[in-house]
Each structure stands twice: as structure tokens, then as C-alpha cells.
N, C-alpha and C. Protein backbone atom coordinates (compact mmCIF):
# COMPACT_ATOMS: atom_id res chain seq x y z
N UNK A 1 3.80 -27.90 -18.06
CA UNK A 1 2.91 -27.61 -16.96
C UNK A 1 1.74 -28.58 -16.94
N UNK A 2 1.00 -28.62 -17.99
CA UNK A 2 -0.08 -29.59 -18.03
C UNK A 2 0.13 -30.48 -19.24
N UNK A 3 -0.42 -31.62 -19.18
CA UNK A 3 -0.26 -32.56 -20.29
C UNK A 3 -1.58 -33.23 -20.56
N UNK A 4 -1.74 -33.61 -21.76
CA UNK A 4 -2.94 -34.33 -22.16
C UNK A 4 -2.51 -35.76 -22.47
N UNK A 5 -3.12 -36.70 -21.80
CA UNK A 5 -2.78 -38.10 -22.04
C UNK A 5 -3.83 -38.71 -22.95
N UNK A 6 -3.35 -39.43 -23.91
CA UNK A 6 -4.25 -40.04 -24.89
C UNK A 6 -4.33 -41.52 -24.60
N UNK A 7 -5.54 -42.04 -24.48
CA UNK A 7 -5.69 -43.48 -24.27
C UNK A 7 -6.84 -43.99 -25.12
N UNK A 8 -6.58 -44.97 -25.87
CA UNK A 8 -7.65 -45.59 -26.64
C UNK A 8 -7.58 -45.25 -28.12
N UNK A 9 -8.44 -45.92 -28.88
CA UNK A 9 -8.56 -45.65 -30.29
C UNK A 9 -7.59 -46.42 -31.17
N UNK A 10 -7.04 -47.54 -30.71
CA UNK A 10 -6.13 -48.32 -31.55
C UNK A 10 -6.92 -49.17 -32.52
N UNK A 11 -6.27 -49.47 -33.65
CA UNK A 11 -6.93 -50.32 -34.66
C UNK A 11 -6.84 -51.77 -34.24
N UNK A 12 -7.94 -52.43 -34.38
CA UNK A 12 -7.95 -53.86 -34.10
C UNK A 12 -8.50 -54.56 -35.35
N UNK A 13 -8.08 -55.78 -35.57
CA UNK A 13 -8.48 -56.51 -36.76
C UNK A 13 -9.94 -56.90 -36.70
N UNK A 14 -10.63 -56.64 -37.80
CA UNK A 14 -11.99 -57.08 -37.96
C UNK A 14 -13.03 -56.24 -37.25
N UNK A 15 -12.65 -55.22 -36.69
CA UNK A 15 -13.63 -54.39 -35.98
C UNK A 15 -13.70 -53.04 -36.65
N UNK A 16 -14.78 -52.40 -36.41
CA UNK A 16 -14.95 -51.07 -36.98
C UNK A 16 -14.00 -50.09 -36.29
N UNK A 17 -13.66 -49.09 -37.03
CA UNK A 17 -12.82 -48.06 -36.47
C UNK A 17 -13.74 -47.05 -35.78
N UNK A 18 -13.52 -46.89 -34.55
CA UNK A 18 -14.35 -45.95 -33.79
C UNK A 18 -13.58 -44.66 -33.61
N UNK A 19 -14.31 -43.64 -33.24
CA UNK A 19 -13.66 -42.34 -32.97
C UNK A 19 -12.79 -42.49 -31.73
N UNK A 20 -11.68 -41.80 -31.76
CA UNK A 20 -10.76 -41.89 -30.63
C UNK A 20 -11.35 -41.19 -29.41
N UNK A 21 -11.26 -41.85 -28.28
CA UNK A 21 -11.71 -41.24 -27.03
C UNK A 21 -10.47 -40.73 -26.31
N UNK A 22 -10.50 -39.47 -25.99
CA UNK A 22 -9.36 -38.88 -25.32
C UNK A 22 -9.68 -38.66 -23.84
N UNK A 23 -8.82 -39.07 -22.99
CA UNK A 23 -8.96 -38.82 -21.57
C UNK A 23 -7.95 -37.73 -21.21
N UNK A 24 -8.46 -36.64 -20.62
CA UNK A 24 -7.56 -35.53 -20.28
C UNK A 24 -7.21 -35.61 -18.81
N UNK A 25 -5.98 -35.23 -18.53
CA UNK A 25 -5.50 -35.19 -17.15
C UNK A 25 -4.65 -33.93 -17.02
N UNK A 26 -5.04 -33.05 -16.10
CA UNK A 26 -4.31 -31.80 -15.91
C UNK A 26 -3.49 -31.93 -14.64
N UNK A 27 -2.22 -31.66 -14.75
CA UNK A 27 -1.32 -31.74 -13.60
C UNK A 27 -1.45 -30.44 -12.79
N UNK A 28 -1.96 -30.52 -11.54
CA UNK A 28 -2.22 -29.34 -10.71
C UNK A 28 -1.06 -29.00 -9.77
N UNK A 29 0.01 -29.73 -9.83
CA UNK A 29 1.13 -29.51 -8.93
C UNK A 29 1.69 -28.09 -9.01
N UNK A 30 1.91 -27.54 -10.20
CA UNK A 30 2.43 -26.17 -10.24
C UNK A 30 1.48 -25.14 -9.64
N UNK A 31 0.17 -25.36 -9.82
CA UNK A 31 -0.79 -24.41 -9.26
C UNK A 31 -0.80 -24.48 -7.74
N UNK A 32 -0.69 -25.65 -7.18
CA UNK A 32 -0.64 -25.80 -5.73
C UNK A 32 0.64 -25.17 -5.19
N UNK A 33 1.74 -25.36 -5.90
CA UNK A 33 3.00 -24.73 -5.49
C UNK A 33 2.87 -23.21 -5.48
N UNK A 34 2.25 -22.68 -6.52
CA UNK A 34 2.06 -21.22 -6.60
C UNK A 34 1.17 -20.72 -5.46
N UNK A 35 0.11 -21.46 -5.15
CA UNK A 35 -0.80 -21.05 -4.06
C UNK A 35 -0.05 -21.02 -2.74
N UNK A 36 0.78 -22.02 -2.45
CA UNK A 36 1.53 -22.03 -1.20
C UNK A 36 2.59 -20.93 -1.16
N UNK A 37 3.20 -20.64 -2.30
CA UNK A 37 4.15 -19.55 -2.35
C UNK A 37 3.48 -18.21 -2.05
N UNK A 38 2.31 -17.98 -2.64
CA UNK A 38 1.57 -16.74 -2.36
C UNK A 38 1.13 -16.67 -0.90
N UNK A 39 0.66 -17.79 -0.39
CA UNK A 39 0.23 -17.83 1.01
C UNK A 39 1.37 -17.50 1.96
N UNK A 40 2.52 -18.12 1.76
CA UNK A 40 3.65 -17.83 2.64
C UNK A 40 4.16 -16.41 2.46
N UNK A 41 4.11 -15.89 1.24
CA UNK A 41 4.52 -14.50 1.02
C UNK A 41 3.65 -13.55 1.82
N UNK A 42 2.34 -13.71 1.73
CA UNK A 42 1.44 -12.80 2.44
C UNK A 42 1.50 -13.00 3.95
N UNK A 43 1.75 -14.21 4.41
CA UNK A 43 1.88 -14.43 5.85
C UNK A 43 3.12 -13.73 6.41
N UNK A 44 4.22 -13.78 5.67
CA UNK A 44 5.45 -13.17 6.17
C UNK A 44 5.48 -11.66 6.00
N UNK A 45 4.76 -11.13 5.04
CA UNK A 45 4.80 -9.67 4.81
C UNK A 45 3.70 -8.92 5.55
N UNK A 46 2.73 -9.61 6.08
CA UNK A 46 1.63 -8.96 6.79
C UNK A 46 2.07 -8.60 8.21
N UNK A 47 1.73 -7.39 8.63
CA UNK A 47 1.99 -7.01 10.02
C UNK A 47 0.73 -7.28 10.84
N UNK A 48 0.91 -7.98 11.90
CA UNK A 48 -0.23 -8.30 12.76
C UNK A 48 -0.50 -7.12 13.68
N UNK A 49 -1.76 -6.92 14.01
CA UNK A 49 -2.10 -5.80 14.89
C UNK A 49 -1.63 -6.11 16.31
N UNK A 50 -1.01 -5.13 16.90
CA UNK A 50 -0.50 -5.28 18.25
C UNK A 50 -1.55 -4.75 19.23
N UNK A 51 -1.66 -5.33 20.41
CA UNK A 51 -2.63 -4.80 21.36
C UNK A 51 -2.25 -3.38 21.78
N UNK A 52 -3.26 -2.54 21.83
CA UNK A 52 -3.03 -1.14 22.18
C UNK A 52 -3.39 -0.92 23.64
N UNK A 53 -2.58 -0.19 24.32
CA UNK A 53 -2.85 0.14 25.72
C UNK A 53 -3.04 1.64 25.83
N UNK A 54 -3.98 2.04 26.67
CA UNK A 54 -4.24 3.45 26.87
C UNK A 54 -3.22 4.00 27.86
N UNK A 55 -2.59 5.12 27.52
CA UNK A 55 -1.62 5.69 28.47
C UNK A 55 -2.35 6.28 29.68
N UNK A 56 -1.86 5.94 30.83
CA UNK A 56 -2.46 6.42 32.07
C UNK A 56 -1.35 6.90 32.97
N UNK A 57 -1.38 8.17 33.32
CA UNK A 57 -0.34 8.76 34.15
C UNK A 57 -0.77 8.66 35.60
N UNK A 58 0.01 7.96 36.38
CA UNK A 58 -0.30 7.79 37.80
C UNK A 58 0.69 8.59 38.63
N UNK A 59 0.26 9.14 39.76
CA UNK A 59 1.18 9.90 40.61
C UNK A 59 2.18 8.98 41.31
N UNK A 60 3.27 9.57 41.73
CA UNK A 60 4.29 8.83 42.44
C UNK A 60 3.77 8.46 43.83
N UNK A 61 3.99 7.22 44.23
CA UNK A 61 3.48 6.74 45.52
C UNK A 61 4.17 7.44 46.68
N UNK A 62 5.45 7.70 46.56
CA UNK A 62 6.21 8.29 47.66
C UNK A 62 6.08 9.80 47.75
N UNK A 63 5.52 10.43 46.75
CA UNK A 63 5.42 11.88 46.73
C UNK A 63 4.21 12.34 47.56
N UNK A 64 4.44 13.30 48.41
CA UNK A 64 3.36 13.88 49.21
C UNK A 64 2.73 15.01 48.40
N UNK A 65 1.40 14.97 48.17
CA UNK A 65 0.78 15.99 47.34
C UNK A 65 0.85 17.38 47.99
N UNK A 66 1.20 18.36 47.18
CA UNK A 66 1.28 19.74 47.62
C UNK A 66 -0.03 20.44 47.25
N UNK A 67 -0.82 20.90 48.24
CA UNK A 67 -2.10 21.53 47.92
C UNK A 67 -1.98 22.79 47.05
N UNK A 68 -0.86 23.48 47.11
CA UNK A 68 -0.70 24.68 46.30
C UNK A 68 -0.52 24.36 44.82
N UNK A 69 -0.08 23.14 44.49
CA UNK A 69 0.13 22.75 43.10
C UNK A 69 -1.10 22.08 42.49
N UNK A 70 -2.10 21.82 43.29
CA UNK A 70 -3.29 21.14 42.77
C UNK A 70 -4.15 22.13 41.98
N UNK A 71 -4.76 21.62 40.93
CA UNK A 71 -5.61 22.44 40.07
C UNK A 71 -6.97 22.61 40.73
N UNK A 72 -7.40 23.87 40.90
CA UNK A 72 -8.73 24.07 41.47
C UNK A 72 -9.82 23.67 40.46
N UNK A 73 -10.88 23.08 40.96
CA UNK A 73 -11.98 22.63 40.11
C UNK A 73 -13.20 23.48 40.42
N UNK A 74 -13.77 24.08 39.38
CA UNK A 74 -15.01 24.83 39.56
C UNK A 74 -16.16 23.87 39.84
N UNK A 75 -17.07 24.30 40.69
CA UNK A 75 -18.20 23.46 41.05
C UNK A 75 -19.05 23.14 39.82
N UNK A 76 -19.18 24.07 38.91
CA UNK A 76 -20.03 23.86 37.74
C UNK A 76 -19.36 23.01 36.66
N UNK A 77 -18.05 22.82 36.73
CA UNK A 77 -17.34 22.02 35.74
C UNK A 77 -17.09 20.58 36.21
N UNK A 78 -17.39 20.27 37.44
CA UNK A 78 -17.06 18.96 38.00
C UNK A 78 -18.18 17.96 37.77
N UNK A 79 -17.75 16.73 37.49
CA UNK A 79 -18.68 15.61 37.39
C UNK A 79 -18.01 14.42 38.07
N UNK A 80 -18.76 13.71 38.87
CA UNK A 80 -18.23 12.55 39.59
C UNK A 80 -18.96 11.30 39.13
N UNK A 81 -18.19 10.27 38.81
CA UNK A 81 -18.75 8.98 38.41
C UNK A 81 -18.38 7.98 39.50
N UNK A 82 -19.38 7.26 40.02
CA UNK A 82 -19.16 6.28 41.08
C UNK A 82 -19.54 4.90 40.55
N UNK A 83 -18.61 3.97 40.68
CA UNK A 83 -18.85 2.59 40.26
C UNK A 83 -19.18 1.76 41.49
N UNK A 84 -20.18 0.90 41.35
CA UNK A 84 -20.64 0.11 42.48
C UNK A 84 -20.81 -1.35 42.06
N UNK A 85 -21.29 -2.17 42.98
CA UNK A 85 -21.48 -3.59 42.69
C UNK A 85 -22.61 -3.79 41.69
N UNK A 86 -22.68 -4.99 41.14
CA UNK A 86 -23.69 -5.39 40.17
C UNK A 86 -23.67 -4.52 38.91
N UNK A 87 -22.49 -4.08 38.49
CA UNK A 87 -22.32 -3.28 37.28
C UNK A 87 -23.15 -1.99 37.29
N UNK A 88 -23.33 -1.42 38.46
CA UNK A 88 -24.09 -0.17 38.57
C UNK A 88 -23.13 1.00 38.54
N UNK A 89 -23.57 2.06 37.89
CA UNK A 89 -22.77 3.27 37.80
C UNK A 89 -23.67 4.46 38.14
N UNK A 90 -23.15 5.35 38.99
CA UNK A 90 -23.86 6.54 39.42
C UNK A 90 -23.04 7.77 39.05
N UNK A 91 -23.71 8.89 38.96
CA UNK A 91 -23.00 10.13 38.67
C UNK A 91 -23.72 11.29 39.36
N UNK A 92 -22.95 12.34 39.58
CA UNK A 92 -23.54 13.60 40.03
C UNK A 92 -22.66 14.74 39.55
N UNK A 93 -23.27 15.91 39.46
CA UNK A 93 -22.58 17.10 38.99
C UNK A 93 -22.26 18.01 40.16
N UNK A 94 -21.15 18.71 40.06
CA UNK A 94 -20.77 19.66 41.09
C UNK A 94 -20.12 18.98 42.28
N UNK A 95 -19.76 19.83 43.25
CA UNK A 95 -19.13 19.33 44.46
C UNK A 95 -20.03 19.58 45.65
N UNK A 96 -20.69 20.73 45.65
CA UNK A 96 -21.61 21.08 46.73
C UNK A 96 -23.02 20.60 46.37
N UNK A 97 -23.72 20.08 47.33
CA UNK A 97 -25.10 19.61 47.20
C UNK A 97 -25.29 18.70 45.99
N UNK A 98 -24.67 17.53 45.96
CA UNK A 98 -24.81 16.65 44.80
C UNK A 98 -26.15 15.92 44.79
N UNK A 99 -26.67 15.74 43.60
CA UNK A 99 -27.88 14.94 43.39
C UNK A 99 -27.46 13.71 42.58
N UNK A 100 -27.43 12.56 43.24
CA UNK A 100 -26.92 11.34 42.62
C UNK A 100 -27.99 10.72 41.72
N UNK A 101 -27.55 10.33 40.50
CA UNK A 101 -28.44 9.66 39.56
C UNK A 101 -27.73 8.41 39.04
N UNK A 102 -28.54 7.45 38.60
CA UNK A 102 -27.97 6.21 38.08
C UNK A 102 -27.89 6.28 36.56
N UNK A 103 -26.81 5.73 36.01
CA UNK A 103 -26.62 5.68 34.57
C UNK A 103 -26.43 4.23 34.15
N UNK A 104 -26.25 4.05 32.85
CA UNK A 104 -26.06 2.71 32.30
C UNK A 104 -24.83 2.71 31.41
N UNK A 105 -24.19 1.55 31.30
CA UNK A 105 -23.05 1.43 30.39
C UNK A 105 -23.51 1.24 28.95
N UNK A 106 -24.78 0.87 28.75
CA UNK A 106 -25.32 0.63 27.41
C UNK A 106 -25.54 1.97 26.70
N UNK A 107 -24.82 2.18 25.60
CA UNK A 107 -24.87 3.46 24.89
C UNK A 107 -26.20 3.70 24.18
N UNK A 108 -27.02 2.66 24.01
CA UNK A 108 -28.29 2.83 23.32
C UNK A 108 -29.41 3.34 24.24
N UNK A 109 -29.19 3.26 25.54
CA UNK A 109 -30.23 3.71 26.48
C UNK A 109 -30.17 5.22 26.66
N UNK A 110 -31.30 5.84 27.00
CA UNK A 110 -31.30 7.31 27.15
C UNK A 110 -30.49 7.81 28.35
N UNK A 111 -30.31 6.98 29.38
CA UNK A 111 -29.53 7.41 30.55
C UNK A 111 -28.12 6.81 30.52
N UNK A 112 -27.57 6.63 29.32
CA UNK A 112 -26.25 6.03 29.22
C UNK A 112 -25.17 7.00 29.70
N UNK A 113 -24.10 6.44 30.19
CA UNK A 113 -22.99 7.24 30.69
C UNK A 113 -22.39 8.10 29.58
N UNK A 114 -22.32 7.55 28.38
CA UNK A 114 -21.78 8.31 27.24
C UNK A 114 -22.60 9.57 26.96
N UNK A 115 -23.91 9.44 26.97
CA UNK A 115 -24.77 10.60 26.71
C UNK A 115 -24.66 11.63 27.81
N UNK A 116 -24.52 11.19 29.05
CA UNK A 116 -24.37 12.12 30.18
C UNK A 116 -23.06 12.91 30.05
N UNK A 117 -21.98 12.22 29.67
CA UNK A 117 -20.68 12.89 29.50
C UNK A 117 -20.75 13.89 28.35
N UNK A 118 -21.38 13.51 27.26
CA UNK A 118 -21.50 14.42 26.11
C UNK A 118 -22.28 15.66 26.49
N UNK A 119 -23.38 15.48 27.22
CA UNK A 119 -24.19 16.63 27.66
C UNK A 119 -23.37 17.56 28.56
N UNK A 120 -22.62 17.00 29.49
CA UNK A 120 -21.81 17.81 30.41
C UNK A 120 -20.72 18.56 29.65
N UNK A 121 -20.09 17.91 28.67
CA UNK A 121 -19.07 18.58 27.87
C UNK A 121 -19.67 19.76 27.10
N UNK A 122 -20.85 19.54 26.50
CA UNK A 122 -21.52 20.62 25.75
C UNK A 122 -21.87 21.79 26.66
N UNK A 123 -22.36 21.47 27.85
CA UNK A 123 -22.72 22.51 28.82
C UNK A 123 -21.48 23.34 29.21
N UNK A 124 -20.40 22.67 29.49
CA UNK A 124 -19.17 23.38 29.89
C UNK A 124 -18.60 24.19 28.73
N UNK A 125 -18.66 23.68 27.50
CA UNK A 125 -18.16 24.41 26.35
C UNK A 125 -19.01 25.65 26.07
N UNK A 126 -20.32 25.53 26.23
CA UNK A 126 -21.17 26.71 26.00
C UNK A 126 -20.90 27.78 27.07
N UNK A 127 -20.67 27.36 28.29
CA UNK A 127 -20.35 28.31 29.36
C UNK A 127 -18.98 28.95 29.11
N UNK A 128 -18.07 28.18 28.53
CA UNK A 128 -16.74 28.68 28.21
C UNK A 128 -16.80 29.75 27.13
N UNK A 129 -17.67 29.55 26.13
CA UNK A 129 -17.82 30.53 25.05
C UNK A 129 -18.46 31.80 25.55
N UNK A 130 -19.46 31.68 26.43
CA UNK A 130 -20.13 32.86 26.97
C UNK A 130 -19.19 33.66 27.84
N UNK A 131 -18.34 32.97 28.61
CA UNK A 131 -17.40 33.65 29.50
C UNK A 131 -16.24 34.29 28.76
N UNK A 132 -16.04 33.92 27.50
CA UNK A 132 -14.97 34.51 26.70
C UNK A 132 -13.59 34.01 27.08
N UNK A 133 -13.51 32.91 27.78
CA UNK A 133 -12.21 32.37 28.18
C UNK A 133 -11.77 31.32 27.19
N UNK A 134 -10.48 31.19 27.05
CA UNK A 134 -9.94 30.15 26.17
C UNK A 134 -9.81 28.86 26.96
N UNK A 135 -9.76 27.71 26.27
CA UNK A 135 -9.63 26.44 26.99
C UNK A 135 -8.36 26.35 27.83
N UNK A 136 -7.31 27.11 27.49
CA UNK A 136 -6.08 27.08 28.28
C UNK A 136 -6.25 27.75 29.63
N UNK A 137 -7.14 28.73 29.71
CA UNK A 137 -7.34 29.45 30.97
C UNK A 137 -8.14 28.62 31.97
N UNK A 138 -9.03 27.78 31.47
CA UNK A 138 -9.90 27.01 32.34
C UNK A 138 -10.21 25.68 31.68
N UNK A 139 -10.24 24.64 32.46
CA UNK A 139 -10.55 23.33 31.89
C UNK A 139 -12.02 23.28 31.49
N UNK A 140 -12.30 22.49 30.48
CA UNK A 140 -13.68 22.38 30.01
C UNK A 140 -14.53 21.58 30.99
N UNK A 141 -14.13 20.36 31.28
CA UNK A 141 -14.87 19.53 32.21
C UNK A 141 -13.85 18.68 32.98
N UNK A 142 -14.12 18.46 34.25
CA UNK A 142 -13.25 17.63 35.08
C UNK A 142 -14.11 16.49 35.63
N UNK A 143 -13.69 15.26 35.34
CA UNK A 143 -14.45 14.10 35.78
C UNK A 143 -13.65 13.33 36.82
N UNK A 144 -14.27 13.09 37.95
CA UNK A 144 -13.67 12.31 39.04
C UNK A 144 -14.29 10.91 39.00
N UNK A 145 -13.45 9.90 38.92
CA UNK A 145 -13.92 8.51 38.85
C UNK A 145 -13.62 7.85 40.19
N UNK A 146 -14.68 7.30 40.79
CA UNK A 146 -14.53 6.67 42.10
C UNK A 146 -15.18 5.29 42.04
N UNK A 147 -14.57 4.33 42.70
CA UNK A 147 -15.10 2.97 42.72
C UNK A 147 -15.15 2.46 44.15
N UNK A 148 -16.27 1.84 44.51
CA UNK A 148 -16.31 1.25 45.85
C UNK A 148 -15.64 -0.12 45.83
N UNK A 149 -15.55 -0.76 46.97
CA UNK A 149 -14.78 -2.01 47.08
C UNK A 149 -15.42 -3.17 46.33
N UNK A 150 -16.70 -3.07 45.98
CA UNK A 150 -17.39 -4.16 45.28
C UNK A 150 -17.45 -3.95 43.76
N UNK A 151 -16.91 -2.87 43.26
CA UNK A 151 -16.94 -2.59 41.82
C UNK A 151 -16.01 -3.55 41.08
N UNK A 152 -16.35 -3.83 39.85
CA UNK A 152 -15.55 -4.74 39.03
C UNK A 152 -14.51 -3.95 38.23
N UNK A 153 -13.41 -4.62 37.98
CA UNK A 153 -12.33 -4.02 37.21
C UNK A 153 -12.79 -3.69 35.79
N UNK A 154 -13.63 -4.54 35.22
CA UNK A 154 -14.16 -4.33 33.87
C UNK A 154 -14.89 -3.00 33.78
N UNK A 155 -15.64 -2.64 34.83
CA UNK A 155 -16.37 -1.38 34.81
C UNK A 155 -15.42 -0.19 34.82
N UNK A 156 -14.31 -0.30 35.54
CA UNK A 156 -13.32 0.77 35.54
C UNK A 156 -12.72 0.93 34.14
N UNK A 157 -12.44 -0.18 33.49
CA UNK A 157 -11.91 -0.12 32.12
C UNK A 157 -12.94 0.49 31.18
N UNK A 158 -14.21 0.15 31.36
CA UNK A 158 -15.28 0.72 30.52
C UNK A 158 -15.37 2.23 30.70
N UNK A 159 -15.25 2.70 31.94
CA UNK A 159 -15.31 4.14 32.19
C UNK A 159 -14.09 4.84 31.57
N UNK A 160 -12.92 4.24 31.70
CA UNK A 160 -11.72 4.83 31.08
C UNK A 160 -11.85 4.84 29.56
N UNK A 161 -12.48 3.83 28.99
CA UNK A 161 -12.74 3.82 27.55
C UNK A 161 -13.69 4.96 27.17
N UNK A 162 -14.69 5.21 28.00
CA UNK A 162 -15.61 6.33 27.74
C UNK A 162 -14.88 7.66 27.77
N UNK A 163 -13.92 7.81 28.69
CA UNK A 163 -13.12 9.04 28.73
C UNK A 163 -12.34 9.21 27.42
N UNK A 164 -11.82 8.11 26.92
CA UNK A 164 -11.05 8.15 25.68
C UNK A 164 -11.96 8.40 24.48
N UNK A 165 -13.09 7.74 24.42
CA UNK A 165 -14.03 7.90 23.30
C UNK A 165 -14.56 9.32 23.23
N UNK A 166 -14.92 9.88 24.39
CA UNK A 166 -15.50 11.22 24.43
C UNK A 166 -14.46 12.33 24.49
N UNK A 167 -13.19 11.96 24.44
CA UNK A 167 -12.09 12.92 24.42
C UNK A 167 -12.17 13.89 25.61
N UNK A 168 -12.30 13.32 26.79
CA UNK A 168 -12.32 14.11 28.02
C UNK A 168 -10.88 14.45 28.38
N UNK A 169 -10.54 15.75 28.44
CA UNK A 169 -9.14 16.12 28.65
C UNK A 169 -8.65 15.91 30.08
N UNK A 170 -9.51 16.10 31.07
CA UNK A 170 -9.08 16.01 32.47
C UNK A 170 -10.01 15.07 33.22
N UNK A 171 -9.43 13.98 33.72
CA UNK A 171 -10.17 13.07 34.59
C UNK A 171 -9.19 12.47 35.57
N UNK A 172 -9.72 12.03 36.71
CA UNK A 172 -8.86 11.50 37.76
C UNK A 172 -9.56 10.34 38.45
N UNK A 173 -8.77 9.36 38.85
CA UNK A 173 -9.29 8.24 39.64
C UNK A 173 -9.01 8.57 41.10
N UNK A 174 -10.08 8.68 41.88
CA UNK A 174 -9.99 9.18 43.25
C UNK A 174 -10.65 8.16 44.17
N UNK A 175 -10.25 8.16 45.44
CA UNK A 175 -10.86 7.28 46.43
C UNK A 175 -12.28 7.76 46.75
N UNK A 176 -13.14 6.80 46.98
CA UNK A 176 -14.52 7.11 47.32
C UNK A 176 -14.60 7.49 48.80
N UNK A 177 -15.49 8.44 49.13
CA UNK A 177 -15.64 8.90 50.51
C UNK A 177 -16.80 8.15 51.18
N UNK A 178 -16.80 8.09 52.50
CA UNK A 178 -17.91 7.45 53.20
C UNK A 178 -19.26 8.12 52.90
N UNK A 179 -19.25 9.43 52.72
CA UNK A 179 -20.48 10.16 52.40
C UNK A 179 -21.06 9.67 51.06
N UNK A 180 -20.19 9.43 50.09
CA UNK A 180 -20.67 8.95 48.78
C UNK A 180 -21.18 7.52 48.86
N UNK A 181 -20.56 6.71 49.71
CA UNK A 181 -21.06 5.35 49.91
C UNK A 181 -22.48 5.39 50.48
N UNK A 182 -22.72 6.30 51.41
CA UNK A 182 -24.06 6.46 51.97
C UNK A 182 -25.04 6.95 50.91
N UNK A 183 -24.59 7.86 50.04
CA UNK A 183 -25.48 8.42 49.02
C UNK A 183 -25.94 7.34 48.04
N UNK A 184 -25.05 6.43 47.65
CA UNK A 184 -25.46 5.42 46.67
C UNK A 184 -26.09 4.18 47.30
N UNK A 185 -25.96 4.02 48.61
CA UNK A 185 -26.51 2.82 49.26
C UNK A 185 -28.03 2.81 49.24
N UNK A 186 -28.65 3.97 49.23
CA UNK A 186 -30.11 4.04 49.21
C UNK A 186 -30.70 3.91 47.83
N UNK A 187 -29.89 3.92 46.79
CA UNK A 187 -30.41 3.88 45.41
C UNK A 187 -30.43 2.47 44.86
């Protein structure tokens, strides 16, 4: 594997005998071979992470919705998120008499979308416990996601990520109404 090469220290006539000077040389070829073998072993045995996609169930385009099969939403359990231009996001609670407020995608801010969703979930869960109903009898919170024509695709993905992070069981992507466009235009 390694060898020591000796050079020098021969006797010459008429000169003093000096101590032998040894020059060492270590052959690194086997170590380099071992390093490449280990590298290739770990490269071939490692599983690379695959991109993960969030499952999203979309309705059939050709199917006409049957109003009798639609799930009724309680006014107190509903929350609507509206995406607009310039990365703006608005929300309101309930269906009747909505009061639109602006939120932020930044989770560190006090008016962040994540904090608003968490508060709404807690409110619905506390009402569920007081009513004595099980989660199977009534949904905890229903979030309607709406985007106007100027909203960015990235914002829609961010909102869907928030639904996944906050473990929101029921949410739907719905078309925005002209009334909602008017409500957010003044803000």
C-alpha cells in the first residue's frame, strides 16, 4: 500500500560518514480509489427526494351541480378569502353582511392569513364543543377561496399551502362575484 523510499547516505571515499537522510513517499492511490468507491456507493444507494404535489379534487366539468347534494354552510362557520392584484389578500366571515378586512401572507405580522385562519378554527371548535355536536355532524370551518382576474397564481398556491398547513378540512375554490369585486375595490 505505501512504501518508503530511501535515498542518500552512501559511503564516499575520504569524506565523513553522515547520518542517512530518508525521504518518505506515501502512495495515495489506494486511498483515492477507496474514496471514489465510497462516493459512488452512496450516490447509487441514496434516494433523492421527489417533488410532492398536494392532492386537489376538482369537480367534473360536464357534470351539472345538483343543489340537493350540496353541503349547506352555516353563516357562522364560513370564511371567504379573496385574492387580488399586487399580492393583496382580503377576508371576511359569514355570508350575510360581510365586513371585508385585509390580511398579509407574512406569517410574522399580526394580521397574517395564517393567524386569521387559526382564530376562525378555534372559534368554530369552541362553538362545536358548546353545541355538543361531533365533527361528523357539522363541519368545523368552511373556507371559500376566490381570486379576481388580476390575482397571481403564486398567491393561490400560497393560500392552498395555508389550508394544508392549518389542516383545514373543508375548503373550495369558487368564482368571485361582482359584489365582492366592488367590496374590495374601495380598500
